[in-house]
């Protein structure tokens, strides 16, 4: 028994080491949290469409990567989502109003609604989700466009028996999915407080009372004797380079792959586009490195990407961060803009070598005076009349 456990452990470790090496070879795979291995021993004599079932997997974002581990190339895929026969249709309005509010729940992560940041202070938006009939839910998932930080905080309210109840009290938002006690309501109000521009792709209430009549599956064309690794559940939008795809969505002769275990992707790294060690979802400056996360005015934007003087130039690129100067004029080239440079007219600042030239010239004058003085002083010699 111990020998079997040891062999199984070595087998799993071998898969993990291989997955980690492939993650280094293909940086795109670092976005995915999980994968399933489809081994080469599946019995297909000719190229065949394989359909992998994702039974009870919790998946926030429906992007996938199908890696042919034999040829080290990515295969096109087709994702078939389960049908929810009694999912309640949801309409969306926002306060303040945005024309793109419907994009928040159109089941397309490529579209989004923008919520702009005010010139001063934090931004606030209320998103009202209204169902045609009551929705029973215990989770809300917020998907964002690429390179967008999560809002600072979230509050969720539900209209229950004519009363506006707080389901989630105002709390810091540090993950995409917020869970709460199961609640039934046909009107939900989600309030976000944000310190950076907010761009929401999808805002989804998990409908606990919806019936699931089919499974979620991923299809791809497999070659005989090849092995595959299907990556899923990324924490950000990913573009995977693939070759031409056949008509795999309507294929009839399909090999159904079931009961393949889910494994954690050892190559997974949480998104951090500015490489400052702070994940994008919690970064006060997503695109500008600020490991210290300093935020002197506590507005949710780190000081390096804030704009204290409101001139449209962020502090880290502003040569006068406290004085408006959109032209960034710097006459003397000292890195301090004219708008805040008190010594702009001094030649010694414009020409840094001038003080040294002056010191050198003064030194030469002193030496010359010393020589002249020495020559003018006569030293008495022997034989001179003494007084």
Protein backbone atom coordinates (compact mmCIF):
# COMPACT_ATOMS: atom_id res chain seq x y z
CA UNK A 1 0.00 0.00 0.00
CA UNK A 2 2.80 2.39 0.94
CA UNK A 3 4.55 1.56 -2.33
CA UNK A 4 1.41 2.44 -4.32
CA UNK A 5 1.08 5.74 -2.48
CA UNK A 6 4.73 6.54 -3.15
CA UNK A 7 4.38 5.72 -6.86
CA UNK A 8 1.21 7.83 -7.11
CA UNK A 9 2.97 10.72 -5.35
CA UNK A 10 5.92 10.56 -7.75
CA UNK A 11 3.47 10.43 -10.67
CA UNK A 12 1.68 13.59 -9.47
CA UNK A 13 4.97 15.38 -8.74
CA UNK A 14 6.16 14.50 -12.23
CA UNK A 15 3.03 16.03 -13.76
CA UNK A 16 3.44 19.15 -11.60
CA UNK A 17 7.09 19.59 -12.63
CA UNK A 18 6.11 19.20 -16.30
CA UNK A 19 3.28 21.72 -15.90
CA UNK A 20 5.63 24.19 -14.22
CA UNK A 21 8.16 23.85 -17.06
CA UNK A 22 5.43 24.40 -19.63
CA UNK A 23 4.27 27.46 -17.69
CA UNK A 24 7.76 28.91 -18.08
CA UNK A 25 7.76 28.10 -21.81
CA UNK A 26 4.31 29.61 -22.35
CA UNK A 27 3.86 32.75 -20.16
CA UNK A 28 0.16 32.90 -21.07
CA UNK A 29 -0.47 29.83 -18.91
CA UNK A 30 0.47 31.70 -15.72
CA UNK A 31 -3.04 33.24 -15.72
CA UNK A 32 -4.79 29.87 -15.25
CA UNK A 33 -5.44 28.42 -11.83
CA UNK A 34 -6.30 24.84 -12.80
CA UNK A 35 -5.90 22.21 -15.50
CA UNK A 36 -6.86 18.66 -16.49
CA UNK A 37 -4.61 16.14 -18.23
CA UNK A 38 -5.98 14.19 -21.20
CA UNK A 39 -3.56 11.29 -21.62
CA UNK A 40 -2.36 9.73 -24.85
CA UNK A 41 -4.01 6.43 -23.99
CA UNK A 42 -7.49 7.63 -25.01
CA UNK A 43 -8.53 5.25 -27.78
CA UNK A 44 -8.97 7.26 -30.97
CA UNK A 45 -7.68 5.76 -34.24
CA UNK A 46 -8.09 8.99 -36.27
CA UNK A 47 -8.27 12.72 -35.44
CA UNK A 48 -11.35 12.97 -33.23
CA UNK A 49 -13.22 15.72 -31.40
CA UNK A 50 -12.77 15.24 -27.66
CA UNK A 51 -15.37 16.71 -25.30
CA UNK A 52 -14.10 17.32 -21.77
CA UNK A 53 -16.78 17.65 -19.12
CA UNK A 54 -16.40 20.25 -16.37
CA UNK A 55 -18.90 18.89 -13.91
CA UNK A 56 -18.74 20.73 -10.62
CA UNK A 57 -15.88 23.12 -11.27
CA UNK A 58 -16.24 26.67 -9.96
CA UNK A 59 -15.18 28.91 -12.86
CA UNK A 60 -15.28 32.69 -12.79
CA UNK A 61 -14.07 33.43 -16.34
CA UNK A 62 -14.77 31.19 -19.32
CA UNK A 63 -11.40 31.38 -21.07
CA UNK A 64 -9.46 28.19 -21.77
CA UNK A 65 -6.18 26.98 -23.21
CA UNK A 66 -5.79 23.54 -24.79
CA UNK A 67 -2.11 22.61 -24.99
CA UNK A 68 -0.97 19.69 -27.12
CA UNK A 69 1.89 18.52 -24.89
CA UNK A 70 3.21 16.30 -27.69
CA UNK A 71 3.72 19.07 -30.26
CA UNK A 72 3.96 21.94 -27.72
CA UNK A 73 1.28 23.95 -29.52
CA UNK A 74 -2.17 25.28 -28.64
CA UNK A 75 -5.34 23.87 -30.16
CA UNK A 76 -8.55 25.79 -30.97
CA UNK A 77 -11.45 24.93 -28.68
CA UNK A 78 -15.20 25.30 -28.46
CA UNK A 79 -16.84 25.94 -25.11
CA UNK A 80 -20.40 24.80 -24.55
CA UNK A 81 -22.03 26.29 -21.50
CA UNK A 82 -24.77 24.60 -19.51
CA UNK A 83 -28.34 25.68 -20.16
CA UNK A 84 -30.23 27.19 -17.24
CA UNK A 85 -33.84 26.67 -18.22
CA UNK A 86 -35.34 28.92 -15.60
CA UNK A 87 -32.60 31.49 -15.16
CA UNK A 88 -34.30 34.78 -14.40
CA UNK A 89 -33.61 37.51 -17.01
CA UNK A 90 -31.96 40.53 -15.39
CA UNK A 91 -32.12 44.19 -16.42
CA UNK A 92 -29.48 46.68 -15.34
CA UNK A 93 -29.45 50.39 -14.55
CA UNK A 94 -26.68 52.46 -13.01
CA UNK A 95 -26.49 55.60 -10.93
CA UNK A 96 -24.91 57.73 -12.31
CA UNK A 97 -26.33 56.58 -15.61
CA UNK A 98 -24.14 55.02 -18.31
CA UNK A 99 -25.31 54.13 -21.82
CA UNK A 100 -23.45 50.83 -21.71
CA UNK A 101 -25.13 49.43 -18.58
CA UNK A 102 -26.57 46.45 -20.47
CA UNK A 103 -23.07 45.23 -21.28
CA UNK A 104 -22.57 44.32 -17.63
CA UNK A 105 -24.69 41.16 -17.98
CA UNK A 106 -24.57 40.29 -21.69
CA UNK A 107 -22.47 37.13 -21.13
CA UNK A 108 -19.65 38.58 -23.19
CA UNK A 109 -16.42 39.38 -21.31
CA UNK A 110 -15.14 41.34 -24.33
CA UNK A 111 -17.66 44.13 -23.70
CA UNK A 112 -17.70 46.42 -20.69
CA UNK A 113 -19.20 49.47 -19.04
CA UNK A 114 -16.92 52.36 -18.06
CA UNK A 115 -17.28 54.30 -14.81
CA UNK A 116 -15.09 57.36 -14.79
CA UNK A 117 -13.23 58.81 -11.88
CA UNK A 118 -14.06 62.31 -10.61
CA UNK A 119 -11.28 64.89 -10.59
CA UNK A 120 -11.35 64.97 -6.82
CA UNK A 121 -12.04 62.17 -4.37
CA UNK A 122 -13.39 58.67 -4.89
CA UNK A 123 -15.86 57.46 -7.47
CA UNK A 124 -19.16 55.85 -6.49
CA UNK A 125 -21.58 53.88 -8.65
CA UNK A 126 -24.79 52.07 -7.80
CA UNK A 127 -25.75 49.18 -10.07
CA UNK A 128 -29.34 47.98 -9.75
CA UNK A 129 -30.07 44.43 -10.97
CA UNK A 130 -33.78 43.76 -11.42
CA UNK A 131 -35.20 40.32 -12.17
CA UNK A 132 -38.51 39.54 -13.82
CA UNK A 133 -39.13 37.28 -10.82
CA UNK A 134 -37.34 36.73 -7.51
CA UNK A 135 -33.73 35.52 -7.65
CA UNK A 136 -32.29 33.35 -4.90
CA UNK A 137 -28.58 34.02 -4.65
CA UNK A 138 -25.60 33.55 -2.33
CA UNK A 139 -22.76 35.01 -4.43
CA UNK A 140 -21.94 37.93 -6.71
CA UNK A 141 -19.10 37.74 -9.24
CA UNK A 142 -17.51 40.87 -10.72
CA UNK A 143 -15.32 40.45 -13.79
CA UNK A 144 -13.16 43.39 -14.89
CA UNK A 145 -11.48 44.37 -18.14
CA UNK A 146 -7.73 43.75 -18.43
CA UNK A 147 -5.40 45.87 -16.27
CA UNK A 148 -8.20 47.17 -14.06
CA UNK A 149 -8.04 47.05 -10.27
CA UNK A 150 -10.93 45.90 -8.12
CA UNK A 151 -13.03 48.64 -6.49
CA UNK A 152 -12.01 49.74 -3.00
CA UNK A 153 -15.21 48.46 -1.42
CA UNK A 154 -18.60 46.91 -2.15
CA UNK A 155 -22.01 46.98 -0.51
CA UNK A 156 -24.91 44.73 -1.56
CA UNK A 157 -28.55 45.40 -0.71
CA UNK A 158 -31.67 43.41 -1.57
CA UNK A 159 -35.33 44.38 -1.49
CA UNK A 160 -36.97 41.74 0.73
CA UNK A 161 -40.67 41.98 1.67
CA UNK A 162 -40.69 45.65 0.79
CA UNK A 163 -37.65 46.43 2.94
CA UNK A 164 -34.21 47.40 1.67
CA UNK A 165 -31.91 45.01 3.51
CA UNK A 166 -28.12 45.06 3.69
CA UNK A 167 -26.84 41.68 2.49
CA UNK A 168 -23.16 42.62 2.49
CA UNK A 169 -22.17 45.62 4.62
CA UNK A 170 -19.65 48.00 3.09
CA UNK A 171 -16.42 45.94 3.00
CA UNK A 172 -13.03 46.00 1.33
CA UNK A 173 -13.12 44.14 -1.98
CA UNK A 174 -10.16 41.81 -2.43
CA UNK A 175 -11.59 39.07 -4.67
CA UNK A 176 -13.85 38.78 -7.69
CA UNK A 177 -16.56 36.69 -6.02
CA UNK A 178 -18.32 37.94 -2.88
CA UNK A 179 -20.34 35.37 -0.93
CA UNK A 180 -23.21 36.12 1.45
CA UNK A 181 -26.13 34.38 3.22
CA UNK A 182 -28.62 33.03 0.70
CA UNK A 183 -31.21 35.71 -0.03
CA UNK A 184 -34.24 35.93 -2.33
CA UNK A 185 -35.17 39.21 -4.01
CA UNK A 186 -36.11 40.59 -7.41
CA UNK A 187 -34.13 43.84 -6.90
CA UNK A 188 -30.48 43.94 -5.92
CA UNK A 189 -28.42 47.09 -5.47
CA UNK A 190 -24.63 46.86 -5.66
CA UNK A 191 -22.62 49.93 -4.64
CA UNK A 192 -18.95 50.20 -5.56
CA UNK A 193 -16.52 52.78 -4.16
CA UNK A 194 -13.42 53.06 -6.36
CA UNK A 195 -10.23 55.08 -6.45
CA UNK A 196 -9.10 54.14 -9.96
CA UNK A 197 -11.01 54.11 -13.28
CA UNK A 198 -13.47 51.21 -13.17
CA UNK A 199 -14.33 49.04 -16.17
CA UNK A 200 -16.74 46.14 -15.51
CA UNK A 201 -17.10 43.34 -18.07
CA UNK A 202 -19.67 41.20 -16.25
CA UNK A 203 -21.61 41.46 -12.98
CA UNK A 204 -23.36 38.19 -12.21
CA UNK A 205 -25.62 37.08 -9.38
CA UNK A 206 -25.31 33.35 -8.85
CA UNK A 207 -28.87 32.10 -9.32
CA UNK A 208 -29.22 29.28 -6.81
CA UNK A 209 -32.83 28.61 -7.82
CA UNK A 210 -32.00 28.04 -11.52
CA UNK A 211 -32.22 24.44 -12.82
CA UNK A 212 -29.16 23.03 -14.58
CA UNK A 213 -30.15 20.80 -17.48
CA UNK A 214 -26.79 20.27 -19.18
CA UNK A 215 -23.07 20.34 -18.48
CA UNK A 216 -20.26 22.71 -19.30
CA UNK A 217 -17.90 21.12 -21.80
CA UNK A 218 -14.78 22.05 -23.78
CA UNK A 219 -14.28 20.53 -27.22
CA UNK A 220 -11.07 20.28 -29.25
CA UNK A 221 -9.70 18.17 -32.09
CA UNK A 222 -7.30 15.52 -30.74
CA UNK A 223 -4.73 13.51 -32.69
CA UNK A 224 -4.12 9.79 -32.06
CA UNK A 225 -1.30 9.14 -29.60
CA UNK A 226 -1.11 12.79 -28.44
CA UNK A 227 -1.51 14.06 -24.90
CA UNK A 228 -3.29 17.28 -23.97
CA UNK A 229 -3.57 19.61 -21.03
CA UNK A 230 -6.72 21.75 -20.74
CA UNK A 231 -6.17 24.89 -18.65
CA UNK A 232 -9.16 26.76 -17.20
CA UNK A 233 -10.35 29.32 -14.64
CA UNK A 234 -7.94 32.22 -15.33
CA UNK A 235 -7.97 35.30 -13.11
CA UNK A 236 -7.68 37.64 -16.11
CA UNK A 237 -8.51 37.77 -19.80
CA UNK A 238 -6.01 35.74 -21.86
CA UNK A 239 -5.34 35.58 -25.60
CA UNK A 240 -4.00 32.19 -26.69
CA UNK A 241 -2.42 31.80 -30.16
CA UNK A 242 -4.03 28.89 -32.02
CA UNK A 243 -4.13 27.57 -35.55
CA UNK A 244 -7.15 27.20 -37.85
CA UNK A 245 -10.18 25.52 -36.28
CA UNK A 246 -12.48 23.00 -37.92
CA UNK A 247 -16.20 22.78 -37.30
CA UNK A 248 -15.84 21.15 -33.90
CA UNK A 249 -19.05 22.62 -32.49
CA UNK A 250 -21.33 20.39 -34.56
CA UNK A 251 -19.16 17.28 -34.79
CA UNK A 252 -21.08 13.99 -34.47
CA UNK A 253 -18.37 11.46 -33.65
CA UNK A 254 -17.25 12.77 -30.27
CA UNK A 255 -15.08 11.11 -27.62
CA UNK A 256 -16.46 12.02 -24.18
CA UNK A 257 -13.68 12.57 -21.62
CA UNK A 258 -15.00 12.24 -18.08
CA UNK A 259 -13.61 11.80 -14.58
CA UNK A 260 -10.28 13.47 -15.27
CA UNK A 261 -9.05 15.01 -11.99
CA UNK A 262 -8.56 18.74 -11.59
CA UNK A 263 -5.03 19.81 -10.68
CA UNK A 264 -3.70 23.14 -9.43
CA UNK A 265 -1.51 24.89 -11.98
CA UNK A 266 1.96 25.31 -10.38
CA UNK A 267 2.80 27.96 -12.98
CA UNK A 268 -0.10 30.17 -11.89
CA UNK A 269 0.87 33.67 -10.78
CA UNK A 270 -1.65 36.31 -9.85
CA UNK A 271 -1.77 39.26 -12.28
CA UNK A 272 0.77 42.01 -11.54
CA UNK A 273 1.42 43.99 -14.73
CA UNK A 274 3.73 46.57 -13.12
CA UNK A 275 5.82 43.89 -11.34
CA UNK A 276 5.82 45.71 -8.01
CA UNK A 277 4.88 42.65 -5.97
CA UNK A 278 1.29 43.81 -5.38
CA UNK A 279 -1.45 41.92 -7.34
CA UNK A 280 -3.50 44.03 -9.74
CA UNK A 281 -6.72 43.34 -7.84
CA UNK A 282 -5.29 45.07 -4.75
CA UNK A 283 -2.82 47.49 -6.38
CA UNK A 284 -3.45 51.19 -5.75
CA UNK A 285 -1.53 51.87 -8.99
CA UNK A 286 -2.07 49.03 -11.44
CA UNK A 287 0.23 50.28 -14.21
CA UNK A 288 2.87 52.15 -12.18
CA UNK A 289 5.16 50.30 -9.76
CA UNK A 290 4.60 51.30 -6.13
CA UNK A 291 5.54 48.51 -3.78
CA UNK A 292 4.99 50.78 -0.75
CA UNK A 293 1.36 51.53 -1.82
CA UNK A 294 1.72 55.02 -0.33
CA UNK A 295 -1.53 56.99 -0.47
CA UNK A 296 -1.19 60.21 1.52
CA UNK A 297 -4.71 61.47 0.83
CA UNK A 298 -6.37 58.04 1.28
CA UNK A 299 -8.33 58.28 -1.97
CA UNK A 300 -7.59 54.75 -3.17
CA UNK A 301 -5.01 55.91 -5.75
CA UNK A 302 -1.35 55.49 -4.90
CA UNK A 303 0.63 58.73 -4.83
CA UNK A 304 2.77 57.79 -7.84
CA UNK A 305 -0.28 57.54 -10.13
CA UNK A 306 -2.34 60.26 -8.46
CA UNK A 307 -2.48 63.81 -9.79
CA UNK A 308 -2.30 66.17 -6.82
CA UNK A 309 -2.29 69.39 -8.87
CA UNK A 310 -5.04 68.24 -11.28
CA UNK A 311 -3.08 69.15 -14.43
CA UNK A 312 -3.56 65.82 -16.17
CA UNK A 313 -0.01 64.55 -15.49
CA UNK A 314 0.40 61.87 -12.81
CA UNK A 315 2.78 62.66 -9.96
CA UNK A 316 5.49 60.18 -11.00
CA UNK A 317 5.77 61.92 -14.40
CA UNK A 318 5.04 65.48 -13.22
CA UNK A 319 8.05 67.79 -12.81
CA UNK A 320 5.86 69.98 -10.57
CA UNK A 321 3.50 67.54 -8.78
CA UNK A 322 2.03 70.27 -6.55
CA UNK A 323 1.71 73.07 -9.15
CA UNK A 324 -0.37 72.81 -12.35
CA UNK A 325 1.87 72.87 -15.45
CA UNK A 326 0.42 70.75 -18.22
CA UNK A 327 3.16 71.95 -20.61
CA UNK A 328 5.88 70.55 -18.24
CA UNK A 329 8.16 73.47 -19.27
CA UNK A 330 11.64 73.15 -17.76
CA UNK A 331 13.84 75.92 -19.17
CA UNK A 332 17.02 75.06 -17.31
CA UNK A 333 16.64 71.28 -17.69
CA UNK A 334 17.13 70.55 -14.02
CA UNK A 335 14.10 68.22 -13.74
CA UNK A 336 12.06 70.88 -11.89
CA UNK A 337 9.33 72.55 -13.95
CA UNK A 338 9.39 76.32 -14.39
CA UNK A 339 6.09 76.56 -12.47
CA UNK A 340 7.77 75.48 -9.24
CA UNK A 341 11.45 76.32 -9.83
CA UNK A 342 12.31 79.36 -7.70
CA UNK A 343 15.87 79.63 -9.10
CA UNK A 344 14.99 79.58 -12.78
CA UNK A 345 16.90 82.81 -13.66
CA UNK A 346 20.24 81.95 -12.04
CA UNK A 347 23.03 81.20 -14.50
CA UNK A 348 24.67 78.93 -11.96
CA UNK A 349 21.64 76.64 -12.11
CA UNK A 350 21.38 76.74 -15.86
CA UNK A 351 25.09 76.14 -16.28
CA UNK A 352 26.28 73.93 -13.45
CA UNK A 353 29.97 74.34 -14.45
CA UNK A 354 29.98 78.12 -13.91
CA UNK A 355 30.58 78.01 -10.12
CA UNK A 356 33.58 75.76 -10.61
CA UNK A 357 34.95 78.07 -13.28
CA UNK A 358 34.58 81.00 -10.90
CA UNK A 359 36.33 79.15 -8.10
CA UNK A 360 39.20 78.23 -10.43
CA UNK A 361 39.58 81.78 -11.67
CA UNK A 362 39.58 83.15 -8.12
CA UNK A 363 42.27 80.62 -7.19
CA UNK A 364 44.49 81.77 -10.06
CA UNK A 365 44.07 85.41 -9.02
CA UNK A 366 45.08 84.62 -5.45
CA UNK A 367 48.19 82.75 -6.63
CA UNK A 368 49.18 85.65 -8.91
CA UNK A 369 48.76 88.17 -6.07
CA UNK A 370 50.85 85.99 -3.77
CA UNK A 371 53.68 85.85 -6.31
CA UNK A 372 53.62 89.61 -6.91
CA UNK A 373 53.62 90.31 -3.18
CA UNK A 374 56.55 87.96 -2.63
CA UNK A 375 58.58 89.72 -5.33
CA UNK A 376 57.90 93.19 -3.94
CA UNK A 377 59.15 92.30 -0.47
CA UNK A 378 63.04 92.63 -0.33
CA UNK A 379 64.84 90.29 2.00
CA UNK A 380 67.86 92.08 3.82
CA UNK A 381 71.32 90.69 2.96
CA UNK A 382 74.59 90.65 4.96
CA UNK A 383 76.49 93.90 4.77
CA UNK A 384 73.46 96.06 4.60
CA UNK A 385 73.59 98.99 7.03
CA UNK A 386 71.74 98.18 10.20
CA UNK A 387 69.93 100.93 12.08
